[in-house]
Amino acid sequence: MILAVAGSLAANIGAIEVVGVPDGTHLGVYPYLGGSYVIPGDDVTIVPALSVEWSPDQSRWGFVASGTGDIALSPRLGFDINVALIHDQSGASFGEADLFIGAGPGLSIFLGRYTVSPYVNVFKGITVSGWSVVPGVNASMSL
C-alpha cells in the first residue's frame, strides 16, 4: 500500500546554543542545515525534519531528527511544540556518539514562503548523564 500525504518540502538553516543545567556551562554553538516536510492539518501543522549540525568551538557534529506541531494563532504566527533526537559525535566516531532527547516550545513567524522560528528546548542525555537548555532559531524556505 502506498500512503500519500499532501505537503511541501522546505530547506532549513539555523543555530543553537547548548547550555549545561544546572551550572550554565557553555557546551557549544551549533549552526545547522537541513530539510523538512510541512504537512498541513485542520488544527495542527506537522513538520518532521532532518538536519546536520556542527559545533566549530567544540569540534563536534551530528544529526538531528525532529518534529514540530504548529498551532496557528493567526495567519502570521504559530505556537510550536518541538521534539528532537540528537546524535552528537567527535570526528568520525559514529559508534561513540552521544545521544540526547528533548522537547520544548517555540513560535513560528510566517513571512510568505519564509518562516522564522525561535525556540527553547530542554534535553536529557540518553547515553551520557546530564541535562541542557538549548535556545535556538530556525529559518526555513518553502521549496
N, C-alpha and C. Protein backbone atom coordinates (compact mmCIF):
# COMPACT_ATOMS: atom_id res chain seq x y z
N MET A 1 0.84 -1.16 0.00
CA MET A 1 0.00 0.00 0.00
C MET A 1 0.89 1.24 0.00
N ILE A 2 0.54 2.22 -0.79
CA ILE A 2 1.26 3.49 -0.85
C ILE A 2 0.42 4.54 -0.15
N LEU A 3 1.06 5.23 0.78
CA LEU A 3 0.38 6.29 1.52
C LEU A 3 0.86 7.62 0.98
N ALA A 4 -0.05 8.45 0.53
CA ALA A 4 0.30 9.77 0.01
C ALA A 4 -0.18 10.83 1.01
N VAL A 5 0.69 11.75 1.34
CA VAL A 5 0.36 12.84 2.25
C VAL A 5 0.65 14.14 1.53
N ALA A 6 -0.37 15.00 1.45
CA ALA A 6 -0.17 16.29 0.80
C ALA A 6 0.65 17.19 1.70
N GLY A 7 1.73 17.68 1.19
CA GLY A 7 2.60 18.56 1.96
C GLY A 7 3.58 19.25 1.05
N SER A 8 4.54 19.93 1.66
CA SER A 8 5.55 20.62 0.86
C SER A 8 6.91 20.52 1.55
N LEU A 9 7.95 20.52 0.73
CA LEU A 9 9.31 20.47 1.23
C LEU A 9 9.79 21.88 1.61
N ALA A 10 10.71 21.92 2.57
CA ALA A 10 11.32 23.20 2.96
C ALA A 10 12.80 22.97 3.26
N ALA A 11 13.60 23.98 2.98
CA ALA A 11 15.02 23.99 3.34
C ALA A 11 15.16 24.79 4.63
N ASN A 12 16.02 24.30 5.55
CA ASN A 12 16.18 24.93 6.87
C ASN A 12 17.62 25.30 7.14
N ILE A 13 17.80 26.40 7.83
CA ILE A 13 19.10 26.82 8.33
C ILE A 13 18.87 27.42 9.71
N GLY A 14 19.81 27.21 10.61
CA GLY A 14 19.61 27.76 11.94
C GLY A 14 20.84 27.59 12.81
N ALA A 15 20.67 27.87 14.09
CA ALA A 15 21.76 27.73 15.05
C ALA A 15 21.16 27.53 16.43
N ILE A 16 21.91 26.78 17.26
CA ILE A 16 21.53 26.57 18.65
C ILE A 16 22.71 26.88 19.55
N GLU A 17 22.42 27.19 20.79
CA GLU A 17 23.42 27.37 21.85
C GLU A 17 23.08 26.32 22.90
N VAL A 18 24.03 25.46 23.25
CA VAL A 18 23.79 24.40 24.24
C VAL A 18 24.40 24.84 25.57
N VAL A 19 23.55 24.85 26.61
CA VAL A 19 23.96 25.31 27.94
C VAL A 19 23.66 24.20 28.95
N GLY A 20 24.68 23.78 29.68
CA GLY A 20 24.51 22.74 30.69
C GLY A 20 23.66 23.21 31.85
N VAL A 21 22.86 22.28 32.38
CA VAL A 21 21.99 22.57 33.52
C VAL A 21 22.42 21.65 34.66
N PRO A 22 22.60 22.14 35.86
CA PRO A 22 22.16 23.46 36.36
C PRO A 22 23.26 24.51 36.38
N ASP A 23 24.49 24.17 35.99
CA ASP A 23 25.61 25.09 36.20
C ASP A 23 25.78 26.18 35.14
N GLY A 24 25.06 26.11 34.03
CA GLY A 24 25.16 27.14 32.99
C GLY A 24 26.41 27.05 32.13
N THR A 25 27.08 25.90 32.12
CA THR A 25 28.29 25.71 31.32
C THR A 25 27.99 25.79 29.83
N HIS A 26 28.79 26.55 29.09
CA HIS A 26 28.67 26.61 27.63
C HIS A 26 29.15 25.28 27.05
N LEU A 27 28.27 24.58 26.33
CA LEU A 27 28.60 23.28 25.76
C LEU A 27 28.71 23.31 24.24
N GLY A 28 28.49 24.47 23.63
CA GLY A 28 28.70 24.56 22.19
C GLY A 28 27.66 25.39 21.48
N VAL A 29 28.09 26.01 20.39
CA VAL A 29 27.21 26.67 19.43
C VAL A 29 27.22 25.79 18.20
N TYR A 30 26.03 25.44 17.71
CA TYR A 30 25.90 24.52 16.58
C TYR A 30 25.06 25.15 15.47
N PRO A 31 25.68 25.66 14.40
CA PRO A 31 24.90 26.01 13.22
C PRO A 31 24.43 24.71 12.55
N TYR A 32 23.32 24.76 11.83
CA TYR A 32 22.83 23.55 11.16
C TYR A 32 22.15 23.86 9.83
N LEU A 33 22.09 22.83 8.99
CA LEU A 33 21.39 22.85 7.71
C LEU A 33 20.52 21.60 7.65
N GLY A 34 19.36 21.71 7.02
CA GLY A 34 18.52 20.53 6.92
C GLY A 34 17.34 20.72 6.00
N GLY A 35 16.46 19.76 6.05
CA GLY A 35 15.25 19.80 5.26
C GLY A 35 14.07 19.34 6.10
N SER A 36 12.89 19.76 5.70
CA SER A 36 11.68 19.37 6.42
C SER A 36 10.55 19.16 5.43
N TYR A 37 9.50 18.53 5.92
CA TYR A 37 8.31 18.28 5.11
C TYR A 37 7.11 18.82 5.89
N VAL A 38 6.45 19.81 5.36
CA VAL A 38 5.36 20.50 6.04
C VAL A 38 4.04 19.82 5.67
N ILE A 39 3.35 19.28 6.68
CA ILE A 39 2.08 18.57 6.47
C ILE A 39 0.97 19.37 7.15
N PRO A 40 0.22 20.17 6.37
CA PRO A 40 -0.83 20.99 6.98
C PRO A 40 -1.99 20.13 7.46
N GLY A 41 -2.57 20.53 8.58
CA GLY A 41 -3.76 19.87 9.12
C GLY A 41 -4.83 20.90 9.43
N ASP A 42 -5.98 20.43 9.86
CA ASP A 42 -7.07 21.35 10.19
C ASP A 42 -6.71 22.26 11.36
N ASP A 43 -6.15 21.66 12.42
CA ASP A 43 -5.82 22.43 13.62
C ASP A 43 -4.32 22.54 13.88
N VAL A 44 -3.58 21.52 13.44
CA VAL A 44 -2.14 21.46 13.72
C VAL A 44 -1.39 21.11 12.44
N THR A 45 -0.33 21.84 12.16
CA THR A 45 0.56 21.51 11.05
C THR A 45 1.73 20.72 11.63
N ILE A 46 2.01 19.57 11.04
CA ILE A 46 3.09 18.69 11.50
C ILE A 46 4.29 18.89 10.58
N VAL A 47 5.49 19.02 11.19
CA VAL A 47 6.70 19.27 10.41
C VAL A 47 7.83 18.34 10.88
N PRO A 48 7.98 17.17 10.25
CA PRO A 48 9.16 16.35 10.53
C PRO A 48 10.36 16.94 9.80
N ALA A 49 11.56 16.81 10.42
CA ALA A 49 12.75 17.40 9.81
C ALA A 49 13.99 16.55 10.12
N LEU A 50 14.97 16.69 9.27
CA LEU A 50 16.27 16.04 9.48
C LEU A 50 17.34 17.08 9.15
N SER A 51 18.30 17.23 10.07
CA SER A 51 19.35 18.24 9.91
C SER A 51 20.71 17.65 10.27
N VAL A 52 21.76 18.33 9.80
CA VAL A 52 23.12 18.03 10.24
C VAL A 52 23.65 19.30 10.89
N GLU A 53 24.28 19.14 12.08
CA GLU A 53 24.78 20.28 12.82
C GLU A 53 26.27 20.12 13.07
N TRP A 54 26.93 21.24 13.32
CA TRP A 54 28.38 21.23 13.55
C TRP A 54 28.73 22.34 14.53
N SER A 55 29.55 22.00 15.52
CA SER A 55 30.00 22.98 16.50
C SER A 55 31.47 23.30 16.26
N PRO A 56 31.77 24.46 15.65
CA PRO A 56 33.17 24.80 15.43
C PRO A 56 33.96 25.00 16.72
N ASP A 57 33.29 25.47 17.79
CA ASP A 57 34.03 25.70 19.04
C ASP A 57 34.24 24.43 19.86
N GLN A 58 33.48 23.36 19.60
CA GLN A 58 33.65 22.11 20.33
C GLN A 58 34.18 20.98 19.45
N SER A 59 34.34 21.23 18.15
CA SER A 59 34.80 20.22 17.18
C SER A 59 33.95 18.95 17.25
N ARG A 60 32.62 19.16 17.27
CA ARG A 60 31.67 18.05 17.29
C ARG A 60 30.62 18.30 16.21
N TRP A 61 29.96 17.24 15.79
CA TRP A 61 28.91 17.36 14.79
C TRP A 61 27.95 16.19 14.95
N GLY A 62 26.82 16.26 14.26
CA GLY A 62 25.89 15.16 14.33
C GLY A 62 24.61 15.43 13.56
N PHE A 63 23.70 14.50 13.72
CA PHE A 63 22.41 14.56 13.03
C PHE A 63 21.31 14.86 14.04
N VAL A 64 20.26 15.52 13.55
CA VAL A 64 19.11 15.85 14.39
C VAL A 64 17.84 15.43 13.66
N ALA A 65 17.07 14.55 14.28
CA ALA A 65 15.74 14.20 13.78
C ALA A 65 14.75 14.92 14.69
N SER A 66 13.87 15.69 14.10
CA SER A 66 12.95 16.48 14.92
C SER A 66 11.55 16.48 14.34
N GLY A 67 10.63 16.89 15.17
CA GLY A 67 9.25 17.06 14.75
C GLY A 67 8.66 18.25 15.45
N THR A 68 7.81 18.96 14.74
CA THR A 68 7.15 20.14 15.29
C THR A 68 5.66 20.04 15.03
N GLY A 69 4.89 20.35 16.04
CA GLY A 69 3.45 20.54 15.87
C GLY A 69 3.19 22.04 16.00
N ASP A 70 2.72 22.65 14.93
CA ASP A 70 2.48 24.09 14.91
C ASP A 70 0.98 24.36 14.97
N ILE A 71 0.57 25.14 15.95
CA ILE A 71 -0.83 25.54 16.12
C ILE A 71 -0.94 27.00 15.69
N ALA A 72 -1.72 27.27 14.65
CA ALA A 72 -1.86 28.64 14.14
C ALA A 72 -2.58 29.51 15.15
N LEU A 73 -1.94 30.63 15.51
CA LEU A 73 -2.56 31.63 16.38
C LEU A 73 -3.16 32.76 15.56
N SER A 74 -2.59 32.98 14.38
CA SER A 74 -3.07 33.98 13.42
C SER A 74 -2.48 33.58 12.07
N PRO A 75 -2.82 34.28 11.00
CA PRO A 75 -2.23 33.93 9.70
C PRO A 75 -0.71 34.09 9.66
N ARG A 76 -0.12 34.88 10.55
CA ARG A 76 1.33 35.11 10.54
C ARG A 76 2.08 34.58 11.76
N LEU A 77 1.37 33.94 12.71
CA LEU A 77 2.02 33.50 13.94
C LEU A 77 1.49 32.13 14.37
N GLY A 78 2.42 31.26 14.76
CA GLY A 78 2.05 29.94 15.26
C GLY A 78 2.78 29.62 16.56
N PHE A 79 2.13 28.81 17.40
CA PHE A 79 2.75 28.29 18.63
C PHE A 79 3.22 26.88 18.32
N ASP A 80 4.48 26.58 18.65
CA ASP A 80 5.09 25.30 18.30
C ASP A 80 5.37 24.45 19.54
N ILE A 81 5.20 23.14 19.37
CA ILE A 81 5.70 22.15 20.32
C ILE A 81 6.73 21.33 19.54
N ASN A 82 7.96 21.32 20.03
CA ASN A 82 9.07 20.65 19.34
C ASN A 82 9.54 19.42 20.12
N VAL A 83 9.92 18.38 19.39
CA VAL A 83 10.60 17.21 19.97
C VAL A 83 11.80 16.91 19.08
N ALA A 84 12.88 16.40 19.67
CA ALA A 84 14.08 16.14 18.87
C ALA A 84 14.92 15.02 19.47
N LEU A 85 15.59 14.32 18.60
CA LEU A 85 16.60 13.33 18.97
C LEU A 85 17.90 13.78 18.32
N ILE A 86 18.95 13.96 19.14
CA ILE A 86 20.23 14.47 18.65
C ILE A 86 21.30 13.39 18.76
N HIS A 87 22.05 13.26 17.71
CA HIS A 87 23.22 12.37 17.63
C HIS A 87 24.42 13.31 17.53
N ASP A 88 25.36 13.26 18.49
CA ASP A 88 26.47 14.21 18.56
C ASP A 88 27.78 13.44 18.71
N GLN A 89 28.72 13.68 17.81
CA GLN A 89 29.97 12.92 17.84
C GLN A 89 31.17 13.80 17.56
N SER A 90 32.32 13.25 17.90
CA SER A 90 33.59 13.89 17.59
C SER A 90 34.19 13.18 16.39
N GLY A 91 34.60 13.93 15.37
CA GLY A 91 35.24 13.36 14.19
C GLY A 91 34.39 12.29 13.53
N ALA A 92 35.03 11.14 13.22
CA ALA A 92 34.34 10.05 12.53
C ALA A 92 33.92 8.95 13.50
N SER A 93 33.82 9.26 14.77
CA SER A 93 33.50 8.27 15.80
C SER A 93 31.99 8.04 15.90
N PHE A 94 31.39 7.55 14.82
CA PHE A 94 29.94 7.37 14.76
C PHE A 94 29.44 6.45 15.87
N GLY A 95 30.13 5.36 16.12
CA GLY A 95 29.71 4.41 17.14
C GLY A 95 29.85 4.92 18.56
N GLU A 96 30.60 6.00 18.75
CA GLU A 96 30.80 6.57 20.08
C GLU A 96 30.00 7.86 20.28
N ALA A 97 29.01 8.08 19.44
CA ALA A 97 28.22 9.31 19.51
C ALA A 97 27.40 9.36 20.79
N ASP A 98 27.20 10.57 21.30
CA ASP A 98 26.30 10.82 22.41
C ASP A 98 24.91 11.04 21.84
N LEU A 99 23.89 10.53 22.54
CA LEU A 99 22.51 10.71 22.10
C LEU A 99 21.74 11.50 23.15
N PHE A 100 20.87 12.39 22.67
CA PHE A 100 20.07 13.24 23.54
C PHE A 100 18.64 13.28 23.03
N ILE A 101 17.70 13.39 23.94
CA ILE A 101 16.29 13.56 23.57
C ILE A 101 15.76 14.80 24.27
N GLY A 102 14.93 15.57 23.56
CA GLY A 102 14.45 16.80 24.15
C GLY A 102 13.15 17.28 23.56
N ALA A 103 12.62 18.33 24.18
CA ALA A 103 11.37 18.93 23.74
C ALA A 103 11.28 20.35 24.29
N GLY A 104 10.38 21.13 23.71
CA GLY A 104 10.17 22.48 24.20
C GLY A 104 9.27 23.29 23.30
N PRO A 105 8.95 24.51 23.73
CA PRO A 105 8.07 25.39 22.98
C PRO A 105 8.82 26.31 22.02
N GLY A 106 8.07 26.86 21.08
CA GLY A 106 8.62 27.85 20.17
C GLY A 106 7.50 28.65 19.53
N LEU A 107 7.90 29.58 18.69
CA LEU A 107 6.96 30.37 17.90
C LEU A 107 7.39 30.30 16.45
N SER A 108 6.43 30.37 15.55
CA SER A 108 6.75 30.48 14.12
C SER A 108 6.13 31.76 13.59
N ILE A 109 6.97 32.53 12.90
CA ILE A 109 6.54 33.77 12.28
C ILE A 109 6.58 33.54 10.78
N PHE A 110 5.40 33.60 10.14
CA PHE A 110 5.27 33.29 8.72
C PHE A 110 5.37 34.55 7.88
N LEU A 111 6.28 34.52 6.91
CA LEU A 111 6.53 35.66 6.02
C LEU A 111 6.50 35.17 4.58
N GLY A 112 5.30 34.86 4.08
CA GLY A 112 5.19 34.30 2.74
C GLY A 112 5.77 32.90 2.71
N ARG A 113 6.74 32.66 1.81
CA ARG A 113 7.34 31.33 1.72
C ARG A 113 8.44 31.11 2.75
N TYR A 114 8.71 32.11 3.59
CA TYR A 114 9.74 32.03 4.63
C TYR A 114 9.09 31.94 6.01
N THR A 115 9.76 31.22 6.91
CA THR A 115 9.31 31.12 8.30
C THR A 115 10.52 31.25 9.21
N VAL A 116 10.38 32.05 10.25
CA VAL A 116 11.42 32.20 11.27
C VAL A 116 10.84 31.68 12.58
N SER A 117 11.60 30.78 13.23
CA SER A 117 11.09 30.12 14.42
C SER A 117 12.10 30.13 15.57
N PRO A 118 11.96 31.04 16.53
CA PRO A 118 12.78 30.96 17.75
C PRO A 118 12.16 29.90 18.67
N TYR A 119 13.02 29.21 19.44
CA TYR A 119 12.53 28.15 20.32
C TYR A 119 13.50 27.92 21.47
N VAL A 120 13.04 27.19 22.49
CA VAL A 120 13.88 26.76 23.60
C VAL A 120 13.49 25.32 23.92
N ASN A 121 14.46 24.42 23.86
CA ASN A 121 14.24 23.02 24.20
C ASN A 121 15.06 22.64 25.42
N VAL A 122 14.61 21.61 26.12
CA VAL A 122 15.35 21.02 27.22
C VAL A 122 15.71 19.60 26.78
N PHE A 123 17.00 19.23 26.93
CA PHE A 123 17.47 17.92 26.50
C PHE A 123 18.00 17.12 27.68
N LYS A 124 17.80 15.81 27.61
CA LYS A 124 18.33 14.84 28.57
C LYS A 124 19.26 13.90 27.83
N GLY A 125 20.44 13.66 28.38
CA GLY A 125 21.35 12.70 27.77
C GLY A 125 20.79 11.29 27.86
N ILE A 126 20.88 10.54 26.76
CA ILE A 126 20.46 9.13 26.74
C ILE A 126 21.67 8.24 27.02
N THR A 127 22.77 8.53 26.35
CA THR A 127 23.99 7.72 26.50
C THR A 127 25.01 8.38 27.43
N VAL A 128 24.72 9.59 27.86
CA VAL A 128 25.57 10.32 28.81
C VAL A 128 24.65 10.92 29.87
N SER A 129 25.20 11.27 31.01
CA SER A 129 24.38 11.89 32.05
C SER A 129 24.29 13.39 31.79
N GLY A 130 23.27 13.99 32.31
CA GLY A 130 23.15 15.44 32.26
C GLY A 130 21.97 15.95 31.47
N TRP A 131 21.72 17.22 31.70
CA TRP A 131 20.63 17.96 31.07
C TRP A 131 21.20 19.22 30.42
N SER A 132 20.49 19.75 29.45
CA SER A 132 20.88 21.02 28.85
C SER A 132 19.65 21.80 28.42
N VAL A 133 19.81 23.11 28.41
CA VAL A 133 18.80 24.03 27.85
C VAL A 133 19.36 24.53 26.55
N VAL A 134 18.53 24.51 25.49
CA VAL A 134 19.03 24.79 24.16
C VAL A 134 18.12 25.82 23.47
N PRO A 135 18.47 27.11 23.57
CA PRO A 135 17.75 28.10 22.76
C PRO A 135 18.27 28.06 21.33
N GLY A 136 17.38 28.35 20.39
CA GLY A 136 17.81 28.34 19.00
C GLY A 136 16.86 29.14 18.13
N VAL A 137 17.25 29.27 16.87
CA VAL A 137 16.40 29.90 15.88
C VAL A 137 16.55 29.14 14.57
N ASN A 138 15.42 28.92 13.91
CA ASN A 138 15.39 28.22 12.63
C ASN A 138 14.78 29.15 11.59
N ALA A 139 15.33 29.15 10.40
CA ALA A 139 14.74 29.87 9.28
C ALA A 139 14.50 28.85 8.19
N SER A 140 13.31 28.86 7.62
CA SER A 140 13.00 27.91 6.55
C SER A 140 12.43 28.62 5.34
N MET A 141 12.60 27.95 4.20
CA MET A 141 12.08 28.46 2.94
C MET A 141 11.35 27.32 2.25
N SER A 142 10.07 27.52 1.95
CA SER A 142 9.29 26.52 1.21
C SER A 142 9.86 26.38 -0.18
N LEU A 143 9.99 25.14 -0.62
CA LEU A 143 10.54 24.87 -1.95
C LEU A 143 9.44 24.62 -2.97
